[in-house]
Amino acid sequence: MLAGKNDTIQFADAFAPWHEEALAYVQKIHPDLVIAHTPAGMALALWIQERLGVPFGIDLEDFHCGEQSERSRQNHLHTLLMRRGLAQARYVTASSPPIIEETRKRFGRSDFTSILNAYEPSVSPGEDPSLFSMFWVSQTLGPNRGLEDVIRACGRLEEPFSLVLQGRLLPSYQRALKGLIVSAGIQDRVTLEPWCASDDLPTVARRHHVGLALEPGSNENSRLCISNKILLYAASGLAIVASHTRGHEWVFRNAPGIGFLYAPGNVDELAEGLQHWMNHRDALQAVRERARRAAHEVLSWERQSAKFLDLIQQAVSK
């Protein structure tokens, strides 16, 4: 940190260089509480509290000090920011219990609340396609997302299927992705779809049998997070295939029978699990029903929102 400046304004300068404009807006609306969702939001919330006395809460959607390689400068800066923010926040939520465990261990604060980024579950199943259909979705189609695993696994499947990959294809990844698909010999089975509005995703997902959440856990944050894909797939009534990380393991432990976990990079394990569902449609349907039930009973936004609103009420009443 630089000499001559307090660390609050240094955090604001580093993470939210537009903080002066944001402060002017906050002065106009006079909020009772600020909620920070990102490092920039956390830095801004600290500065707003110092300048205007407005308290803040923190929502850790990611484990920010573990988003890069272990010794990166960014992780170090995020560690300094989180230590300051967590000490002063009126409350803290996190999108994954493993994030809470690691944050408690790293920073000492213990009063966390888990709020999953859950979707409203579907009321009824979607139309069941006759062709075995797998679905992967993210804002971007790019490397290090587990796509390599599923494409290679699909090259080993013995029956017709459909694989839909939805998101914005990175130009830098286009050639590599096409090469993978051609090498696996599944050009006629893979469809690339553009990103659609978030509100439309549950309807789109319900057209498929299986949802894929394949993050390889290449950094600490990836290993601790619960992929939003899993929550979308469960709410849409899809059987779920997920990479075996701490975050995903928590979901499968608390909502058993919703699919299977595989070790990232283990293409044989992934192909074997998918082939089993292709050969045993009754078993696949039972898994989908358990996923839909878990979305109502364990992973529903209705349950999460009640906890969240109670936290807000307590924070404002203080």
C-alpha atoms as a PDB file:
ATOM      1  CA  MET A   1       0.000   0.000   0.000  1.00  0.00           C
ATOM      2  CA  LEU A   2       1.138   3.550  -0.662  1.00  0.00           C
ATOM      3  CA  ALA A   3       2.369   5.844   2.106  1.00  0.00           C
ATOM      4  CA  GLY A   4       0.348   8.987   2.729  1.00  0.00           C
ATOM      5  CA  LYS A   5      -3.042   7.505   1.852  1.00  0.00           C
ATOM      6  CA  ASN A   6      -5.311   5.442   4.052  1.00  0.00           C
ATOM      7  CA  ASP A   7      -5.929   1.938   2.788  1.00  0.00           C
ATOM      8  CA  THR A   8      -9.656   2.538   2.190  1.00  0.00           C
ATOM      9  CA  ILE A   9      -9.101   5.104  -0.554  1.00  0.00           C
ATOM     10  CA  GLN A  10      -6.258   2.981  -1.955  1.00  0.00           C
ATOM     11  CA  PHE A  11      -8.615   0.019  -2.273  1.00  0.00           C
ATOM     12  CA  ALA A  12     -11.165   2.279  -3.980  1.00  0.00           C
ATOM     13  CA  ASP A  13      -8.518   3.638  -6.373  1.00  0.00           C
ATOM     14  CA  ALA A  14      -7.287   0.143  -7.233  1.00  0.00           C
ATOM     15  CA  PHE A  15     -10.547  -1.789  -7.524  1.00  0.00           C
ATOM     16  CA  ALA A  16     -13.174   0.887  -8.303  1.00  0.00           C
ATOM     17  CA  PRO A  17     -11.556   3.855 -10.092  1.00  0.00           C
ATOM     18  CA  TRP A  18     -15.051   5.213 -10.794  1.00  0.00           C
ATOM     19  CA  HIS A  19     -15.695   5.572  -7.043  1.00  0.00           C
ATOM     20  CA  GLU A  20     -16.258   9.343  -7.143  1.00  0.00           C
ATOM     21  CA  GLU A  21     -19.223   8.954  -9.522  1.00  0.00           C
ATOM     22  CA  ALA A  22     -20.590   6.098  -7.427  1.00  0.00           C
ATOM     23  CA  LEU A  23     -20.280   8.152  -4.238  1.00  0.00           C
ATOM     24  CA  ALA A  24     -22.248  11.013  -5.814  1.00  0.00           C
ATOM     25  CA  TYR A  25     -25.022   8.585  -6.774  1.00  0.00           C
ATOM     26  CA  VAL A  26     -25.148   7.059  -3.291  1.00  0.00           C
ATOM     27  CA  GLN A  27     -25.409  10.549  -1.772  1.00  0.00           C
ATOM     28  CA  LYS A  28     -28.507  11.160  -3.890  1.00  0.00           C
ATOM     29  CA  ILE A  29     -30.416   7.988  -2.964  1.00  0.00           C
ATOM     30  CA  HIS A  30     -29.392   7.757   0.747  1.00  0.00           C
ATOM     31  CA  PRO A  31     -29.492   3.939   1.086  1.00  0.00           C
ATOM     32  CA  ASP A  32     -29.789   2.204   4.433  1.00  0.00           C
ATOM     33  CA  LEU A  33     -27.419  -0.537   3.331  1.00  0.00           C
ATOM     34  CA  VAL A  34     -24.927  -1.274   0.551  1.00  0.00           C
ATOM     35  CA  ILE A  35     -24.398  -4.875  -0.625  1.00  0.00           C
ATOM     36  CA  ALA A  36     -21.038  -5.763  -2.197  1.00  0.00           C
ATOM     37  CA  HIS A  37     -20.928  -8.697  -4.627  1.00  0.00           C
ATOM     38  CA  THR A  38     -17.437  -8.261  -6.159  1.00  0.00           C
ATOM     39  CA  PRO A  39     -13.994  -6.992  -5.100  1.00  0.00           C
ATOM     40  CA  ALA A  40     -14.823  -3.644  -6.728  1.00  0.00           C
ATOM     41  CA  GLY A  41     -18.080  -3.535  -4.788  1.00  0.00           C
ATOM     42  CA  MET A  42     -16.294  -4.386  -1.550  1.00  0.00           C
ATOM     43  CA  ALA A  43     -13.708  -1.627  -2.033  1.00  0.00           C
ATOM     44  CA  LEU A  44     -16.468   0.842  -2.873  1.00  0.00           C
ATOM     45  CA  ALA A  45     -18.580  -0.213   0.113  1.00  0.00           C
ATOM     46  CA  LEU A  46     -15.654   0.341   2.481  1.00  0.00           C
ATOM     47  CA  TRP A  47     -15.121   3.838   1.108  1.00  0.00           C
ATOM     48  CA  ILE A  48     -18.824   4.734   1.183  1.00  0.00           C
ATOM     49  CA  GLN A  49     -19.004   3.616   4.802  1.00  0.00           C
ATOM     50  CA  GLU A  50     -16.007   5.769   5.671  1.00  0.00           C
ATOM     51  CA  ARG A  51     -17.297   8.844   3.812  1.00  0.00           C
ATOM     52  CA  LEU A  52     -21.059   8.609   4.423  1.00  0.00           C
ATOM     53  CA  GLY A  53     -21.472   6.215   7.319  1.00  0.00           C
ATOM     54  CA  VAL A  54     -23.628   3.786   5.286  1.00  0.00           C
ATOM     55  CA  PRO A  55     -23.154   0.189   6.523  1.00  0.00           C
ATOM     56  CA  PHE A  56     -22.589  -2.682   4.114  1.00  0.00           C
ATOM     57  CA  GLY A  57     -22.968  -6.414   3.704  1.00  0.00           C
ATOM     58  CA  ILE A  58     -20.823  -8.734   1.590  1.00  0.00           C
ATOM     59  CA  ASP A  59     -21.960 -11.523  -0.707  1.00  0.00           C
ATOM     60  CA  LEU A  60     -19.044 -13.778  -1.655  1.00  0.00           C
ATOM     61  CA  GLU A  61     -20.145 -15.224  -4.972  1.00  0.00           C
ATOM     62  CA  ASP A  62     -16.539 -16.376  -5.432  1.00  0.00           C
ATOM     63  CA  PHE A  63     -13.505 -16.998  -3.253  1.00  0.00           C
ATOM     64  CA  HIS A  64     -11.766 -13.930  -4.637  1.00  0.00           C
ATOM     65  CA  CYS A  65      -8.350 -14.498  -3.103  1.00  0.00           C
ATOM     66  CA  GLY A  66      -8.175 -17.876  -4.874  1.00  0.00           C
ATOM     67  CA  GLU A  67      -9.292 -16.943  -8.389  1.00  0.00           C
ATOM     68  CA  GLN A  68      -5.775 -16.942  -9.855  1.00  0.00           C
ATOM     69  CA  SER A  69      -2.665 -19.063  -9.436  1.00  0.00           C
ATOM     70  CA  GLU A  70      -1.531 -19.547  -5.855  1.00  0.00           C
ATOM     71  CA  ARG A  71       1.134 -16.819  -5.704  1.00  0.00           C
ATOM     72  CA  SER A  72      -0.376 -14.246  -8.046  1.00  0.00           C
ATOM     73  CA  ARG A  73      -0.321 -10.563  -7.115  1.00  0.00           C
ATOM     74  CA  GLN A  74      -4.076 -10.384  -7.686  1.00  0.00           C
ATOM     75  CA  ASN A  75      -4.724 -13.056  -5.073  1.00  0.00           C
ATOM     76  CA  HIS A  76      -2.530 -11.129  -2.615  1.00  0.00           C
ATOM     77  CA  LEU A  77      -4.417  -7.866  -3.219  1.00  0.00           C
ATOM     78  CA  HIS A  78      -7.769  -9.627  -2.889  1.00  0.00           C
ATOM     79  CA  THR A  79      -6.578 -11.140   0.404  1.00  0.00           C
ATOM     80  CA  LEU A  80      -5.796  -7.669   1.803  1.00  0.00           C
ATOM     81  CA  LEU A  81      -9.171  -6.345   0.624  1.00  0.00           C
ATOM     82  CA  MET A  82     -11.153  -9.302   2.000  1.00  0.00           C
ATOM     83  CA  ARG A  83      -9.425  -9.069   5.375  1.00  0.00           C
ATOM     84  CA  ARG A  84     -10.482  -5.421   5.695  1.00  0.00           C
ATOM     85  CA  GLY A  85     -13.969  -5.909   4.254  1.00  0.00           C
ATOM     86  CA  LEU A  86     -14.842  -9.003   6.280  1.00  0.00           C
ATOM     87  CA  ALA A  87     -13.794  -7.246   9.490  1.00  0.00           C
ATOM     88  CA  GLN A  88     -16.222  -4.356   8.916  1.00  0.00           C
ATOM     89  CA  ALA A  89     -19.186  -5.898   7.070  1.00  0.00           C
ATOM     90  CA  ARG A  90     -22.472  -5.986   8.954  1.00  0.00           C
ATOM     91  CA  TYR A  91     -23.125  -9.475   7.579  1.00  0.00           C
ATOM     92  CA  VAL A  92     -21.493 -11.888   5.112  1.00  0.00           C
ATOM     93  CA  THR A  93     -23.128 -14.397   2.783  1.00  0.00           C
ATOM     94  CA  ALA A  94     -21.460 -16.854   0.414  1.00  0.00           C
ATOM     95  CA  SER A  95     -22.743 -18.861  -2.530  1.00  0.00           C
ATOM     96  CA  SER A  96     -21.149 -22.114  -1.330  1.00  0.00           C
ATOM     97  CA  PRO A  97     -20.590 -23.732   2.095  1.00  0.00           C
ATOM     98  CA  PRO A  98     -17.019 -24.720   1.098  1.00  0.00           C
ATOM     99  CA  ILE A  99     -16.307 -21.011   0.428  1.00  0.00           C
ATOM    100  CA  ILE A 100     -17.556 -20.304   3.951  1.00  0.00           C
ATOM    101  CA  GLU A 101     -15.319 -23.023   5.423  1.00  0.00           C
ATOM    102  CA  GLU A 102     -12.221 -21.715   3.666  1.00  0.00           C
ATOM    103  CA  THR A 103     -12.994 -18.053   4.426  1.00  0.00           C
ATOM    104  CA  ARG A 104     -13.536 -18.838   8.091  1.00  0.00           C
ATOM    105  CA  LYS A 105     -10.227 -20.706   8.196  1.00  0.00           C
ATOM    106  CA  ARG A 106      -8.336 -17.965   6.340  1.00  0.00           C
ATOM    107  CA  PHE A 107      -9.830 -14.833   7.915  1.00  0.00           C
ATOM    108  CA  GLY A 108     -11.277 -15.889  11.271  1.00  0.00           C
ATOM    109  CA  ARG A 109     -14.803 -14.498  10.955  1.00  0.00           C
ATOM    110  CA  SER A 110     -17.409 -17.146  11.801  1.00  0.00           C
ATOM    111  CA  ASP A 111     -20.903 -15.652  11.309  1.00  0.00           C
ATOM    112  CA  PHE A 112     -21.554 -16.531   7.662  1.00  0.00           C
ATOM    113  CA  THR A 113     -24.791 -17.487   5.921  1.00  0.00           C
ATOM    114  CA  SER A 114     -24.896 -19.687   2.831  1.00  0.00           C
ATOM    115  CA  ILE A 115     -27.127 -18.323   0.037  1.00  0.00           C
ATOM    116  CA  LEU A 116     -27.083 -20.488  -3.088  1.00  0.00           C
ATOM    117  CA  ASN A 117     -27.620 -18.826  -6.475  1.00  0.00           C
ATOM    118  CA  ALA A 118     -30.688 -21.009  -6.961  1.00  0.00           C
ATOM    119  CA  TYR A 119     -33.346 -20.864  -9.657  1.00  0.00           C
ATOM    120  CA  GLU A 120     -37.088 -21.240  -9.260  1.00  0.00           C
ATOM    121  CA  PRO A 121     -37.745 -24.945  -9.912  1.00  0.00           C
ATOM    122  CA  SER A 122     -39.954 -25.965 -12.823  1.00  0.00           C
ATOM    123  CA  VAL A 123     -43.515 -26.920 -11.982  1.00  0.00           C
ATOM    124  CA  SER A 124     -43.568 -29.841 -14.422  1.00  0.00           C
ATOM    125  CA  PRO A 125     -41.117 -31.736 -16.663  1.00  0.00           C
ATOM    126  CA  GLY A 126     -40.346 -30.428 -20.116  1.00  0.00           C
ATOM    127  CA  GLU A 127     -41.078 -32.380 -23.272  1.00  0.00           C
ATOM    128  CA  ASP A 128     -38.865 -35.459 -23.256  1.00  0.00           C
ATOM    129  CA  PRO A 129     -36.816 -35.703 -26.486  1.00  0.00           C
ATOM    130  CA  SER A 130     -36.441 -39.186 -27.950  1.00  0.00           C
ATOM    131  CA  LEU A 131     -32.750 -38.662 -28.759  1.00  0.00           C
ATOM    132  CA  PHE A 132     -30.449 -38.741 -25.723  1.00  0.00           C
ATOM    133  CA  SER A 133     -29.620 -35.057 -25.275  1.00  0.00           C
ATOM    134  CA  MET A 134     -26.844 -33.399 -23.238  1.00  0.00           C
ATOM    135  CA  PHE A 135     -26.638 -29.689 -22.443  1.00  0.00           C
ATOM    136  CA  TRP A 136     -23.756 -27.420 -21.399  1.00  0.00           C
ATOM    137  CA  VAL A 137     -24.230 -23.673 -20.954  1.00  0.00           C
ATOM    138  CA  SER A 138     -22.099 -20.715 -19.950  1.00  0.00           C
ATOM    139  CA  GLN A 139     -21.677 -17.112 -21.015  1.00  0.00           C
ATOM    140  CA  THR A 140     -18.538 -18.077 -22.948  1.00  0.00           C
ATOM    141  CA  LEU A 141     -17.383 -21.190 -24.775  1.00  0.00           C
ATOM    142  CA  GLY A 142     -13.679 -21.351 -24.079  1.00  0.00           C
ATOM    143  CA  PRO A 143     -10.781 -23.487 -22.835  1.00  0.00           C
ATOM    144  CA  ASN A 144     -10.413 -24.908 -19.336  1.00  0.00           C
ATOM    145  CA  ARG A 145     -14.156 -25.361 -18.904  1.00  0.00           C
ATOM    146  CA  GLY A 146     -14.286 -29.176 -19.150  1.00  0.00           C
ATOM    147  CA  LEU A 147     -15.480 -29.162 -22.763  1.00  0.00           C
ATOM    148  CA  GLU A 148     -12.479 -31.199 -23.824  1.00  0.00           C
ATOM    149  CA  ASP A 149     -13.547 -33.984 -21.441  1.00  0.00           C
ATOM    150  CA  VAL A 150     -17.121 -34.267 -22.652  1.00  0.00           C
ATOM    151  CA  ILE A 151     -16.220 -34.085 -26.358  1.00  0.00           C
ATOM    152  CA  ARG A 152     -13.694 -36.891 -25.986  1.00  0.00           C
ATOM    153  CA  ALA A 153     -16.172 -38.897 -23.896  1.00  0.00           C
ATOM    154  CA  CYS A 154     -18.901 -38.440 -26.504  1.00  0.00           C
ATOM    155  CA  GLY A 155     -16.559 -39.882 -29.117  1.00  0.00           C
ATOM    156  CA  ARG A 156     -16.775 -43.186 -27.215  1.00  0.00           C
ATOM    157  CA  LEU A 157     -20.567 -43.409 -26.904  1.00  0.00           C
ATOM    158  CA  GLU A 158     -22.187 -46.251 -28.814  1.00  0.00           C
ATOM    159  CA  GLU A 159     -25.619 -44.844 -29.621  1.00  0.00           C
ATOM    160  CA  PRO A 160     -26.931 -41.674 -31.293  1.00  0.00           C
ATOM    161  CA  PHE A 161     -27.037 -38.598 -29.082  1.00  0.00           C
ATOM    162  CA  SER A 162     -27.142 -34.819 -29.170  1.00  0.00           C
ATOM    163  CA  LEU A 163     -24.688 -32.468 -27.443  1.00  0.00           C
ATOM    164  CA  VAL A 164     -25.676 -28.799 -27.254  1.00  0.00           C
ATOM    165  CA  LEU A 165     -23.064 -26.242 -26.191  1.00  0.00           C
ATOM    166  CA  GLN A 166     -24.581 -22.838 -25.513  1.00  0.00           C
ATOM    167  CA  GLY A 167     -22.677 -19.584 -25.034  1.00  0.00           C
ATOM    168  CA  ARG A 168     -20.531 -17.016 -26.798  1.00  0.00           C
ATOM    169  CA  LEU A 169     -17.739 -18.848 -28.612  1.00  0.00           C
ATOM    170  CA  LEU A 170     -14.387 -17.151 -28.049  1.00  0.00           C
ATOM    171  CA  PRO A 171     -12.753 -16.548 -31.456  1.00  0.00           C
ATOM    172  CA  SER A 172      -9.439 -17.704 -29.994  1.00  0.00           C
ATOM    173  CA  TYR A 173     -11.021 -21.081 -29.093  1.00  0.00           C
ATOM    174  CA  GLN A 174     -12.946 -21.707 -32.305  1.00  0.00           C
ATOM    175  CA  ARG A 175     -10.217 -23.625 -34.108  1.00  0.00           C
ATOM    176  CA  ALA A 176      -9.326 -25.767 -31.083  1.00  0.00           C
ATOM    177  CA  LEU A 177     -12.977 -26.629 -30.398  1.00  0.00           C
ATOM    178  CA  LYS A 178     -13.638 -27.597 -34.013  1.00  0.00           C
ATOM    179  CA  GLY A 179     -10.491 -29.739 -34.012  1.00  0.00           C
ATOM    180  CA  LEU A 180     -11.641 -31.570 -30.878  1.00  0.00           C
ATOM    181  CA  ILE A 181     -15.069 -32.266 -32.354  1.00  0.00           C
ATOM    182  CA  VAL A 182     -13.636 -33.527 -35.645  1.00  0.00           C
ATOM    183  CA  SER A 183     -11.050 -35.662 -33.847  1.00  0.00           C
ATOM    184  CA  ALA A 184     -13.820 -37.287 -31.793  1.00  0.00           C
ATOM    185  CA  GLY A 185     -15.853 -37.924 -34.957  1.00  0.00           C
ATOM    186  CA  ILE A 186     -19.038 -36.310 -33.630  1.00  0.00           C
ATOM    187  CA  GLN A 187     -19.461 -33.370 -36.028  1.00  0.00           C
ATOM    188  CA  ASP A 188     -23.060 -34.342 -36.769  1.00  0.00           C
ATOM    189  CA  ARG A 189     -23.924 -34.653 -33.069  1.00  0.00           C
ATOM    190  CA  VAL A 190     -22.729 -31.300 -31.687  1.00  0.00           C
ATOM    191  CA  THR A 191     -24.688 -28.055 -31.921  1.00  0.00           C
ATOM    192  CA  LEU A 192     -23.299 -24.666 -30.907  1.00  0.00           C
ATOM    193  CA  GLU A 193     -25.991 -22.270 -29.740  1.00  0.00           C
ATOM    194  CA  PRO A 194     -25.570 -18.540 -28.963  1.00  0.00           C
ATOM    195  CA  TRP A 195     -26.018 -17.192 -25.446  1.00  0.00           C
ATOM    196  CA  CYS A 196     -29.612 -16.422 -24.583  1.00  0.00           C
ATOM    197  CA  ALA A 197     -31.270 -14.248 -21.954  1.00  0.00           C
ATOM    198  CA  SER A 198     -30.884 -15.626 -18.428  1.00  0.00           C
ATOM    199  CA  ASP A 199     -34.649 -15.690 -17.921  1.00  0.00           C
ATOM    200  CA  ASP A 200     -34.969 -18.061 -20.886  1.00  0.00           C
ATOM    201  CA  LEU A 201     -32.371 -20.564 -19.675  1.00  0.00           C
ATOM    202  CA  PRO A 202     -34.716 -22.812 -17.637  1.00  0.00           C
ATOM    203  CA  THR A 203     -37.015 -23.229 -20.635  1.00  0.00           C
ATOM    204  CA  VAL A 204     -34.056 -24.011 -22.901  1.00  0.00           C
ATOM    205  CA  ALA A 205     -32.551 -26.460 -20.401  1.00  0.00           C
ATOM    206  CA  ARG A 206     -35.787 -28.440 -20.074  1.00  0.00           C
ATOM    207  CA  ARG A 207     -35.415 -29.617 -23.687  1.00  0.00           C
ATOM    208  CA  HIS A 208     -32.590 -31.968 -22.658  1.00  0.00           C
ATOM    209  CA  HIS A 209     -31.946 -35.033 -20.489  1.00  0.00           C
ATOM    210  CA  VAL A 210     -28.544 -34.302 -18.967  1.00  0.00           C
ATOM    211  CA  GLY A 211     -26.874 -31.117 -17.733  1.00  0.00           C
ATOM    212  CA  LEU A 212     -23.066 -30.854 -17.707  1.00  0.00           C
ATOM    213  CA  ALA A 213     -21.101 -28.875 -15.080  1.00  0.00           C
ATOM    214  CA  LEU A 214     -17.506 -29.770 -15.855  1.00  0.00           C
ATOM    215  CA  GLU A 215     -15.274 -27.086 -14.288  1.00  0.00           C
ATOM    216  CA  PRO A 216     -11.859 -28.737 -13.837  1.00  0.00           C
ATOM    217  CA  GLY A 217     -10.982 -27.082 -10.502  1.00  0.00           C
ATOM    218  CA  SER A 218      -7.824 -25.449 -11.833  1.00  0.00           C
ATOM    219  CA  ASN A 219      -7.715 -22.835  -9.051  1.00  0.00           C
ATOM    220  CA  GLU A 220      -8.913 -22.642  -5.464  1.00  0.00           C
ATOM    221  CA  ASN A 221     -12.038 -20.682  -6.303  1.00  0.00           C
ATOM    222  CA  SER A 222     -13.080 -23.235  -8.938  1.00  0.00           C
ATOM    223  CA  ARG A 223     -12.665 -26.039  -6.407  1.00  0.00           C
ATOM    224  CA  LEU A 224     -14.770 -24.283  -3.743  1.00  0.00           C
ATOM    225  CA  CYS A 225     -17.607 -22.844  -5.837  1.00  0.00           C
ATOM    226  CA  ILE A 226     -20.929 -24.439  -6.650  1.00  0.00           C
ATOM    227  CA  SER A 227     -21.472 -23.992 -10.362  1.00  0.00           C
ATOM    228  CA  ASN A 228     -24.650 -22.074 -11.214  1.00  0.00           C
ATOM    229  CA  LYS A 229     -25.099 -24.694 -13.935  1.00  0.00           C
ATOM    230  CA  ILE A 230     -25.888 -27.364 -11.345  1.00  0.00           C
ATOM    231  CA  LEU A 231     -28.620 -25.227  -9.793  1.00  0.00           C
ATOM    232  CA  LEU A 232     -30.093 -24.446 -13.220  1.00  0.00           C
ATOM    233  CA  TYR A 233     -30.083 -28.095 -14.262  1.00  0.00           C
ATOM    234  CA  ALA A 234     -31.712 -29.292 -11.041  1.00  0.00           C
ATOM    235  CA  ALA A 235     -34.444 -26.652 -11.306  1.00  0.00           C
ATOM    236  CA  SER A 236     -35.029 -27.737 -14.912  1.00  0.00           C
ATOM    237  CA  GLY A 237     -35.278 -31.438 -14.052  1.00  0.00           C
ATOM    238  CA  LEU A 238     -32.061 -32.619 -15.723  1.00  0.00           C
ATOM    239  CA  ALA A 239     -29.806 -35.423 -14.550  1.00  0.00           C
ATOM    240  CA  ILE A 240     -26.504 -33.790 -13.603  1.00  0.00           C
ATOM    241  CA  VAL A 241     -22.919 -34.680 -14.444  1.00  0.00           C
ATOM    242  CA  ALA A 242     -20.416 -32.597 -12.496  1.00  0.00           C
ATOM    243  CA  SER A 243     -16.677 -32.519 -11.959  1.00  0.00           C
ATOM    244  CA  HIS A 244     -15.636 -33.770  -8.538  1.00  0.00           C
ATOM    245  CA  THR A 245     -14.737 -30.617  -6.598  1.00  0.00           C
ATOM    246  CA  ARG A 246     -15.403 -29.611  -2.975  1.00  0.00           C
ATOM    247  CA  GLY A 247     -18.282 -27.370  -4.003  1.00  0.00           C
ATOM    248  CA  HIS A 248     -19.962 -29.957  -6.222  1.00  0.00           C
ATOM    249  CA  GLU A 249     -19.396 -32.699  -3.656  1.00  0.00           C
ATOM    250  CA  TRP A 250     -21.371 -30.630  -1.123  1.00  0.00           C
ATOM    251  CA  VAL A 251     -24.354 -30.444  -3.500  1.00  0.00           C
ATOM    252  CA  PHE A 252     -24.353 -34.178  -4.223  1.00  0.00           C
ATOM    253  CA  ARG A 253     -24.008 -34.987  -0.529  1.00  0.00           C
ATOM    254  CA  ASN A 254     -26.984 -32.799   0.386  1.00  0.00           C
ATOM    255  CA  ALA A 255     -29.065 -33.748  -2.672  1.00  0.00           C
ATOM    256  CA  PRO A 256     -28.136 -37.398  -3.264  1.00  0.00           C
ATOM    257  CA  GLY A 257     -29.104 -39.253  -6.415  1.00  0.00           C
ATOM    258  CA  ILE A 258     -29.281 -36.211  -8.718  1.00  0.00           C
ATOM    259  CA  GLY A 259     -26.522 -37.466 -11.021  1.00  0.00           C
ATOM    260  CA  PHE A 260     -22.870 -38.443 -10.782  1.00  0.00           C
ATOM    261  CA  LEU A 261     -19.483 -36.846 -10.151  1.00  0.00           C
ATOM    262  CA  TYR A 262     -16.399 -37.645 -12.211  1.00  0.00           C
ATOM    263  CA  ALA A 263     -12.737 -36.825 -11.736  1.00  0.00           C
ATOM    264  CA  PRO A 264     -11.744 -33.995 -14.111  1.00  0.00           C
ATOM    265  CA  GLY A 265      -9.751 -35.437 -16.993  1.00  0.00           C
ATOM    266  CA  ASN A 266     -11.054 -38.990 -16.468  1.00  0.00           C
ATOM    267  CA  VAL A 267     -12.743 -39.393 -19.857  1.00  0.00           C
ATOM    268  CA  ASP A 268     -13.345 -43.124 -19.342  1.00  0.00           C
ATOM    269  CA  GLU A 269     -15.326 -42.494 -16.153  1.00  0.00           C
ATOM    270  CA  LEU A 270     -17.368 -39.779 -17.823  1.00  0.00           C
ATOM    271  CA  ALA A 271     -18.136 -41.870 -20.922  1.00  0.00           C
ATOM    272  CA  GLU A 272     -19.099 -44.885 -18.802  1.00  0.00           C
ATOM    273  CA  GLY A 273     -21.602 -42.861 -16.767  1.00  0.00           C
ATOM    274  CA  LEU A 274     -23.202 -41.304 -19.841  1.00  0.00           C
ATOM    275  CA  GLN A 275     -23.398 -44.662 -21.648  1.00  0.00           C
ATOM    276  CA  HIS A 276     -25.140 -46.195 -18.628  1.00  0.00           C
ATOM    277  CA  TRP A 277     -27.873 -43.563 -18.801  1.00  0.00           C
ATOM    278  CA  MET A 278     -28.207 -44.042 -22.551  1.00  0.00           C
ATOM    279  CA  ASN A 279     -28.713 -47.775 -22.020  1.00  0.00           C
ATOM    280  CA  HIS A 280     -31.027 -47.450 -19.011  1.00  0.00           C
ATOM    281  CA  ARG A 281     -33.587 -44.728 -19.667  1.00  0.00           C
ATOM    282  CA  ASP A 282     -35.695 -45.722 -16.643  1.00  0.00           C
ATOM    283  CA  ALA A 283     -32.729 -45.114 -14.363  1.00  0.00           C
ATOM    284  CA  LEU A 284     -32.086 -41.793 -16.115  1.00  0.00           C
ATOM    285  CA  GLN A 285     -35.678 -40.717 -15.576  1.00  0.00           C
ATOM    286  CA  ALA A 286     -35.474 -41.579 -11.869  1.00  0.00           C
ATOM    287  CA  VAL A 287     -32.369 -39.403 -11.532  1.00  0.00           C
ATOM    288  CA  ARG A 288     -34.133 -36.524 -13.259  1.00  0.00           C
ATOM    289  CA  GLU A 289     -37.064 -36.807 -10.862  1.00  0.00           C
ATOM    290  CA  ARG A 290     -34.711 -36.718  -7.867  1.00  0.00           C
ATOM    291  CA  ALA A 291     -33.001 -33.613  -9.294  1.00  0.00           C
ATOM    292  CA  ARG A 292     -36.349 -31.875  -9.733  1.00  0.00           C
ATOM    293  CA  ARG A 293     -37.375 -32.842  -6.200  1.00  0.00           C
ATOM    294  CA  ALA A 294     -34.061 -31.587  -4.781  1.00  0.00           C
ATOM    295  CA  ALA A 295     -34.635 -28.261  -6.537  1.00  0.00           C
ATOM    296  CA  HIS A 296     -37.884 -27.891  -4.594  1.00  0.00           C
ATOM    297  CA  GLU A 297     -36.762 -29.294  -1.249  1.00  0.00           C
ATOM    298  CA  VAL A 298     -33.069 -28.347  -0.909  1.00  0.00           C
ATOM    299  CA  LEU A 299     -31.867 -25.985  -3.635  1.00  0.00           C
ATOM    300  CA  SER A 300     -34.883 -23.730  -4.210  1.00  0.00           C
ATOM    301  CA  TRP A 301     -34.641 -19.945  -4.362  1.00  0.00           C
ATOM    302  CA  GLU A 302     -37.702 -19.742  -2.117  1.00  0.00           C
ATOM    303  CA  ARG A 303     -35.669 -21.222   0.734  1.00  0.00           C
ATOM    304  CA  GLN A 304     -32.592 -19.142  -0.035  1.00  0.00           C
ATOM    305  CA  SER A 305     -34.491 -15.854  -0.348  1.00  0.00           C
ATOM    306  CA  ALA A 306     -36.129 -16.267   3.063  1.00  0.00           C
ATOM    307  CA  LYS A 307     -32.699 -16.449   4.716  1.00  0.00           C
ATOM    308  CA  PHE A 308     -31.459 -13.515   2.670  1.00  0.00           C
ATOM    309  CA  LEU A 309     -34.389 -11.227   3.492  1.00  0.00           C
ATOM    310  CA  ASP A 310     -34.047 -12.040   7.185  1.00  0.00           C
ATOM    311  CA  LEU A 311     -30.372 -11.002   7.062  1.00  0.00           C
ATOM    312  CA  ILE A 312     -31.241  -7.726   5.355  1.00  0.00           C
ATOM    313  CA  GLN A 313     -33.927  -6.940   7.928  1.00  0.00           C
ATOM    314  CA  GLN A 314     -31.509  -7.579  10.792  1.00  0.00           C
ATOM    315  CA  ALA A 315     -28.751  -5.522   9.171  1.00  0.00           C
ATOM    316  CA  VAL A 316     -31.010  -2.506   8.573  1.00  0.00           C
ATOM    317  CA  SER A 317     -32.613  -2.674  12.006  1.00  0.00           C
ATOM    318  CA  LYS A 318     -29.184  -2.350  13.623  1.00  0.00           C
END
